[in-house]
Amino acid sequence: MSVQLYLVTYNVLQILGWSVVLVKTILGLLNGLTWPQLYDSVEFELKIFQTAAILEVIHAVVGLVRSPVGTTAMQVTSRVVLVWPILHLCSTARYSIGVPLLLVAWSVTEVIRYSFYALSVLKQPIPYFLLYLRYTLFYVLYPMGVSGELLTLFASLKEVDEKKILTLEMPNRLNMGISFWWILIIAALTYIPGFPQLYFYMIGQRKKVLGGENKKKQ
């Protein structure tokens, strides 16, 4: 299998997977599902396709794509932590208003992003509407996604503390302690410098990409 065929296949599968998450999320919201019920309805697909995104870190490391390894690893890791140690292990996190926020933000963003990538790999012209959506909807989707992630994370803290989830207390044979509660707090704090940097980067990219398109039209 050629690299191009592999990347196209990967991106198309991600489009299909996230489309399923998006449709199920919309239907769940329209049908008035509770947040835990909404999460249960998309849990299977969410776990598969978000976990599969770990491959994107590998793609960047081995040079299949030009994405920065550090940024890609941070973004993928933050989501995988939300899906597995938080939403999978902490039932209370699923009651958070952050759940529908992150589901909508993630699924819409990913359907657009992977569509963009698939066409790019095929070296096909990117339709203007797709460019516009990719470099405009982030104004709403990024704050929505970050809010959803943080609210869900905060909703898990009490349960993490009470049940000592993924926590290693002293004394023990290793003579070291690990507090998952503090790991989550530190992770939340990284959003303070991380979100504005990414947000303003996308604003700059929007001016660069859509600004150039407008000049061509004129």
Protein backbone atom coordinates (compact mmCIF):
# COMPACT_ATOMS: atom_id res chain seq x y z
CA MET A 1 0.00 0.00 0.00
CA SER A 2 1.38 3.40 -0.99
CA VAL A 3 1.69 6.19 1.54
CA GLN A 4 -0.92 8.23 -0.35
CA LEU A 5 -3.44 5.38 -0.37
CA TYR A 6 -2.85 4.72 3.32
CA LEU A 7 -3.35 8.37 4.30
CA VAL A 8 -6.45 8.72 2.13
CA THR A 9 -7.92 5.56 3.65
CA TYR A 10 -7.14 6.76 7.17
CA ASN A 11 -8.73 10.17 6.59
CA VAL A 12 -11.83 8.75 4.89
CA LEU A 13 -12.38 6.30 7.75
CA GLN A 14 -12.07 9.17 10.22
CA ILE A 15 -14.59 11.22 8.23
CA LEU A 16 -17.07 8.34 8.35
CA GLY A 17 -16.45 7.67 12.04
CA TRP A 18 -16.81 11.26 13.16
CA SER A 19 -19.86 11.69 10.92
CA VAL A 20 -21.52 8.88 12.85
CA VAL A 21 -20.62 10.60 16.14
CA LEU A 22 -21.99 13.91 14.84
CA VAL A 23 -25.28 12.44 13.60
CA LYS A 24 -25.83 10.45 16.80
CA THR A 25 -25.04 13.51 18.90
CA ILE A 26 -27.51 15.70 17.01
CA LEU A 27 -30.23 13.03 17.18
CA GLY A 28 -29.56 12.51 20.88
CA LEU A 29 -29.88 16.23 21.59
CA LEU A 30 -33.08 16.47 19.54
CA ASN A 31 -34.54 13.49 21.39
CA GLY A 32 -33.72 15.02 24.75
CA LEU A 33 -31.27 12.39 25.97
CA THR A 34 -29.59 13.04 29.30
CA TRP A 35 -25.86 13.72 29.09
CA PRO A 36 -24.94 10.18 30.26
CA GLN A 37 -27.37 8.69 27.73
CA LEU A 38 -25.93 10.92 25.01
CA TYR A 39 -22.42 9.78 25.83
CA ASP A 40 -23.49 6.12 25.90
CA SER A 41 -24.98 6.51 22.41
CA VAL A 42 -21.64 7.55 20.88
CA GLU A 43 -19.18 5.89 23.27
CA PHE A 44 -18.20 3.02 20.95
CA GLU A 45 -17.43 5.19 17.90
CA LEU A 46 -15.83 7.93 19.99
CA LYS A 47 -13.38 5.52 21.62
CA ILE A 48 -12.40 3.91 18.32
CA PHE A 49 -11.85 7.01 16.23
CA GLN A 50 -10.35 9.24 18.92
CA THR A 51 -7.95 6.49 19.98
CA ALA A 52 -7.04 5.93 16.32
CA ALA A 53 -5.82 9.53 16.24
CA ILE A 54 -2.71 8.31 18.10
CA LEU A 55 -1.59 7.23 14.62
CA GLU A 56 -1.33 10.92 13.72
CA VAL A 57 1.51 11.33 16.20
CA ILE A 58 3.28 8.42 14.51
CA HIS A 59 2.60 9.95 11.09
CA ALA A 60 4.29 13.15 12.22
CA VAL A 61 7.24 11.35 13.85
CA VAL A 62 8.09 9.24 10.78
CA GLY A 63 7.49 12.12 8.37
CA LEU A 64 4.35 10.92 6.59
CA VAL A 65 2.84 14.35 7.25
CA ARG A 66 4.34 17.75 7.99
CA SER A 67 2.45 18.33 11.23
CA PRO A 68 4.58 19.40 14.24
CA VAL A 69 5.13 16.40 16.49
CA GLY A 70 4.84 18.31 19.80
CA THR A 71 1.59 20.08 18.99
CA THR A 72 0.03 16.97 17.50
CA ALA A 73 1.04 14.86 20.52
CA MET A 74 -0.40 17.39 22.99
CA GLN A 75 -3.73 17.69 21.19
CA VAL A 76 -4.17 13.94 20.76
CA THR A 77 -3.07 13.18 24.33
CA SER A 78 -5.52 15.66 25.88
CA ARG A 79 -8.44 14.08 24.04
CA VAL A 80 -7.39 10.49 24.69
CA VAL A 81 -7.11 11.30 28.42
CA LEU A 82 -10.65 12.71 28.34
CA VAL A 83 -12.02 9.66 26.55
CA TRP A 84 -10.29 6.97 28.62
CA PRO A 85 -9.10 7.92 32.15
CA ILE A 86 -11.88 10.49 32.58
CA LEU A 87 -15.05 9.53 30.70
CA HIS A 88 -14.39 5.78 30.74
CA LEU A 89 -13.36 5.49 34.40
CA CYS A 90 -15.33 8.36 35.98
CA SER A 91 -19.08 7.94 35.63
CA THR A 92 -19.74 11.35 37.21
CA ALA A 93 -17.92 13.08 34.34
CA ARG A 94 -20.64 11.93 31.95
CA TYR A 95 -23.21 14.08 33.79
CA SER A 96 -21.33 17.26 32.91
CA ILE A 97 -22.70 19.83 30.45
CA GLY A 98 -19.21 19.58 28.99
CA VAL A 99 -20.13 16.27 27.34
CA PRO A 100 -22.51 17.66 24.68
CA LEU A 101 -20.21 20.65 24.18
CA LEU A 102 -17.15 18.57 23.41
CA LEU A 103 -19.09 16.04 21.33
CA VAL A 104 -20.49 18.74 19.04
CA ALA A 105 -17.20 20.66 18.83
CA TRP A 106 -15.05 17.59 18.23
CA SER A 107 -17.29 15.91 15.66
CA VAL A 108 -17.93 19.01 13.54
CA THR A 109 -14.25 19.98 13.66
CA GLU A 110 -13.05 16.51 12.72
CA VAL A 111 -15.45 15.96 9.82
CA ILE A 112 -14.23 19.23 8.31
CA ARG A 113 -10.54 18.65 9.16
CA TYR A 114 -10.33 15.12 7.79
CA SER A 115 -12.23 16.12 4.63
CA PHE A 116 -9.65 18.88 4.13
CA TYR A 117 -6.77 16.45 4.71
CA ALA A 118 -8.18 13.77 2.39
CA LEU A 119 -8.44 16.23 -0.50
CA SER A 120 -4.98 17.60 0.27
CA VAL A 121 -3.42 14.11 0.17
CA LEU A 122 -5.13 13.49 -3.17
CA LYS A 123 -3.76 16.87 -4.34
CA GLN A 124 -7.25 17.97 -5.31
CA PRO A 125 -8.44 21.59 -5.21
CA ILE A 126 -10.04 22.42 -1.86
CA PRO A 127 -13.59 23.77 -2.36
CA TYR A 128 -13.94 27.30 -1.04
CA PHE A 129 -16.82 26.36 1.25
CA LEU A 130 -14.60 23.77 2.96
CA LEU A 131 -11.80 26.30 3.37
CA TYR A 132 -14.29 28.79 4.75
CA LEU A 133 -15.70 26.31 7.25
CA ARG A 134 -12.25 25.15 8.38
CA TYR A 135 -10.98 28.67 8.95
CA THR A 136 -14.19 30.23 10.30
CA LEU A 137 -16.08 27.76 12.49
CA PHE A 138 -13.10 27.51 14.84
CA TYR A 139 -14.16 30.90 16.24
CA VAL A 140 -17.04 29.05 17.92
CA LEU A 141 -15.89 25.41 17.95
CA TYR A 142 -12.53 25.97 19.68
CA PRO A 143 -13.98 27.81 22.71
CA MET A 144 -16.86 25.31 22.80
CA GLY A 145 -14.48 22.36 22.71
CA VAL A 146 -12.13 23.76 25.35
CA SER A 147 -15.06 24.63 27.62
CA GLY A 148 -16.47 21.14 27.21
CA GLU A 149 -13.12 19.50 27.91
CA LEU A 150 -12.47 21.55 31.04
CA LEU A 151 -15.99 21.17 32.41
CA THR A 152 -15.81 17.41 31.91
CA LEU A 153 -12.37 17.28 33.51
CA PHE A 154 -13.52 19.30 36.53
CA ALA A 155 -16.58 17.06 36.91
CA SER A 156 -14.30 14.04 37.30
CA LEU A 157 -12.06 15.48 40.04
CA LYS A 158 -14.19 14.52 43.05
CA GLU A 159 -14.53 10.91 41.92
CA VAL A 160 -10.82 10.71 41.03
CA ASP A 161 -9.97 11.94 44.53
CA GLU A 162 -12.45 9.74 46.39
CA LYS A 163 -11.71 6.52 44.50
CA LYS A 164 -7.99 7.30 44.04
CA ILE A 165 -8.30 6.52 40.36
CA LEU A 166 -4.89 5.92 38.71
CA THR A 167 -3.29 7.11 41.94
CA LEU A 168 -0.32 5.52 43.70
CA GLU A 169 -0.13 6.44 47.38
CA MET A 170 2.77 6.21 49.78
CA PRO A 171 4.11 4.05 51.27
CA ASN A 172 4.72 1.47 48.54
CA ARG A 173 7.53 -0.67 47.16
CA LEU A 174 8.48 1.94 44.60
CA ASN A 175 8.76 4.58 47.31
CA MET A 176 7.01 7.14 45.13
CA GLY A 177 3.56 8.63 44.86
CA ILE A 178 1.48 9.52 41.81
CA SER A 179 -1.64 11.66 42.07
CA PHE A 180 -3.88 11.56 39.02
CA TRP A 181 -5.89 14.39 40.61
CA TRP A 182 -2.87 16.67 40.43
CA ILE A 183 -2.03 15.47 36.93
CA LEU A 184 -5.50 16.60 35.83
CA ILE A 185 -5.10 19.97 37.58
CA ILE A 186 -1.78 20.54 35.84
CA ALA A 187 -3.31 19.47 32.53
CA ALA A 188 -6.13 21.99 33.03
CA LEU A 189 -3.59 24.74 33.73
CA THR A 190 -1.84 24.06 30.41
CA TYR A 191 -4.98 25.34 28.66
CA ILE A 192 -4.18 28.85 29.94
CA PRO A 193 -1.17 29.38 27.66
CA GLY A 194 -2.13 26.71 25.12
CA PHE A 195 -5.59 27.80 24.05
CA PRO A 196 -4.81 31.49 23.25
CA GLN A 197 -1.71 30.44 21.32
CA LEU A 198 -3.65 27.99 19.14
CA TYR A 199 -6.64 30.32 18.79
CA PHE A 200 -4.61 33.30 17.58
CA TYR A 201 -2.57 31.01 15.32
CA MET A 202 -5.81 29.97 13.60
CA ILE A 203 -6.88 33.61 13.30
CA GLY A 204 -3.58 34.31 11.56
CA GLN A 205 -4.07 31.30 9.29
CA ARG A 206 -7.56 32.50 8.43
CA LYS A 207 -6.27 35.89 7.35
CA LYS A 208 -3.54 34.20 5.33
CA VAL A 209 -5.76 31.63 3.60
CA LEU A 210 -9.09 33.40 3.18
CA GLY A 211 -7.45 36.77 2.69
CA GLY A 212 -5.52 35.33 -0.21
CA GLU A 213 -8.68 33.87 -1.68
CA ASN A 214 -10.47 37.21 -1.48
CA LYS A 215 -7.60 38.94 -3.28
CA LYS A 216 -7.76 36.37 -6.08
CA LYS A 217 -11.51 36.99 -6.44
CA GLN A 218 -10.97 40.73 -6.64
